[in-house]
Each structure stands twice: as C-alpha cells, then as structure tokens.
Protein backbone atom coordinates (compact mmCIF):
# COMPACT_ATOMS: atom_id res chain seq x y z
CA UNK A 1 -81.86 114.38 20.05
CA UNK A 2 -85.49 115.32 20.66
CA UNK A 3 -87.19 118.27 22.32
CA UNK A 4 -87.40 116.57 25.72
CA UNK A 5 -83.67 115.80 25.70
CA UNK A 6 -82.88 119.39 24.71
CA UNK A 7 -85.16 120.73 27.44
CA UNK A 8 -83.71 118.38 30.08
CA UNK A 9 -80.15 119.31 29.12
CA UNK A 10 -80.77 123.06 29.14
CA UNK A 11 -82.66 123.03 32.43
CA UNK A 12 -79.90 120.98 34.09
CA UNK A 13 -77.63 124.02 33.85
CA UNK A 14 -77.58 126.39 36.82
CA UNK A 15 -79.56 129.60 36.33
CA UNK A 16 -81.41 128.49 33.17
CA UNK A 17 -85.11 129.27 32.73
CA UNK A 18 -87.55 128.52 29.92
CA UNK A 19 -90.36 130.67 28.55
CA UNK A 20 -92.51 131.47 25.52
CA UNK A 21 -91.94 135.21 24.94
CA UNK A 22 -92.77 135.20 21.22
CA UNK A 23 -95.56 132.66 20.71
CA UNK A 24 -96.75 129.27 21.98
CA UNK A 25 -94.60 127.41 19.40
CA UNK A 26 -91.17 128.88 20.16
CA UNK A 27 -89.54 127.62 23.34
CA UNK A 28 -86.81 129.93 24.63
CA UNK A 29 -84.09 129.14 27.15
CA UNK A 30 -82.42 131.96 29.02
CA UNK A 31 -79.42 132.21 31.29
CA UNK A 32 -79.83 135.12 33.68
CA UNK A 33 -82.50 136.68 31.42
CA UNK A 34 -80.37 136.44 28.25
CA UNK A 35 -81.53 134.15 25.46
CA UNK A 36 -79.05 131.43 24.51
CA UNK A 37 -81.26 128.89 22.73
CA UNK A 38 -84.54 128.90 20.81
CA UNK A 39 -86.35 125.85 19.47
CA UNK A 40 -89.64 125.18 17.75
CA UNK A 41 -92.37 122.93 19.09
CA UNK A 42 -94.22 122.77 15.78
CA UNK A 43 -93.00 120.86 12.72
CA UNK A 44 -89.50 119.53 12.15
CA UNK A 45 -87.18 120.13 15.10
CA UNK A 46 -84.72 122.98 14.68
CA UNK A 47 -82.55 124.76 17.22
CA UNK A 48 -80.98 128.22 17.19
CA UNK A 49 -78.05 128.67 19.57
CA UNK A 50 -76.17 131.81 20.43
CA UNK A 51 -72.57 131.46 19.32
CA UNK A 52 -69.41 133.49 18.86
CA UNK A 53 -69.36 134.60 15.19
CA UNK A 54 -65.91 133.12 14.49
CA UNK A 55 -66.86 129.81 16.13
CA UNK A 56 -70.06 129.77 14.04
CA UNK A 57 -68.03 129.98 10.82
CA UNK A 58 -65.84 127.12 11.99
CA UNK A 59 -68.87 124.98 12.87
CA UNK A 60 -70.51 125.68 9.48
CA UNK A 61 -67.32 124.48 7.75
CA UNK A 62 -67.26 121.26 9.79
CA UNK A 63 -70.96 120.33 9.84
CA UNK A 64 -73.43 120.66 6.97
CA UNK A 65 -76.35 120.73 9.44
CA UNK A 66 -75.09 124.04 10.91
CA UNK A 67 -76.56 126.84 8.83
CA UNK A 68 -76.66 130.61 9.37
C-alpha cells in the first residue's frame, strides 16, 4: 500500500477529512473532528491508527509489523 492508496481509502469513508495540524509532513485523517489515522509524507511510509487497546495487543501478537 502507498500513500495515495491510504488517502483514497480514508477519504472514501463518509465524514472523513484530511489536514496537516502538526506540520507539513504529517497527514492526519479525522472522522467528525477526531483523529483516527496519522501518516508521514517524508521518508519510509508508516501509519498510526487509533485502536482499542485490547485489539492492539492481539494485532501485535499476530503481525510483527504492528508495533506500539
């Protein structure tokens, strides 16, 4: 997945907006003004996604790419 695919997917959801509230390198997606995903536009692609804490533990156990 690349940044354009992530952006297209996020913006396809009803009520989602994008902005740069922190700096020009950190793209933020919000649902009704609440952040649910952050990604970098500089360097290697990484994504931070809001997640239920218990689900996050489960995902970290299943996938080595999921890190806290």
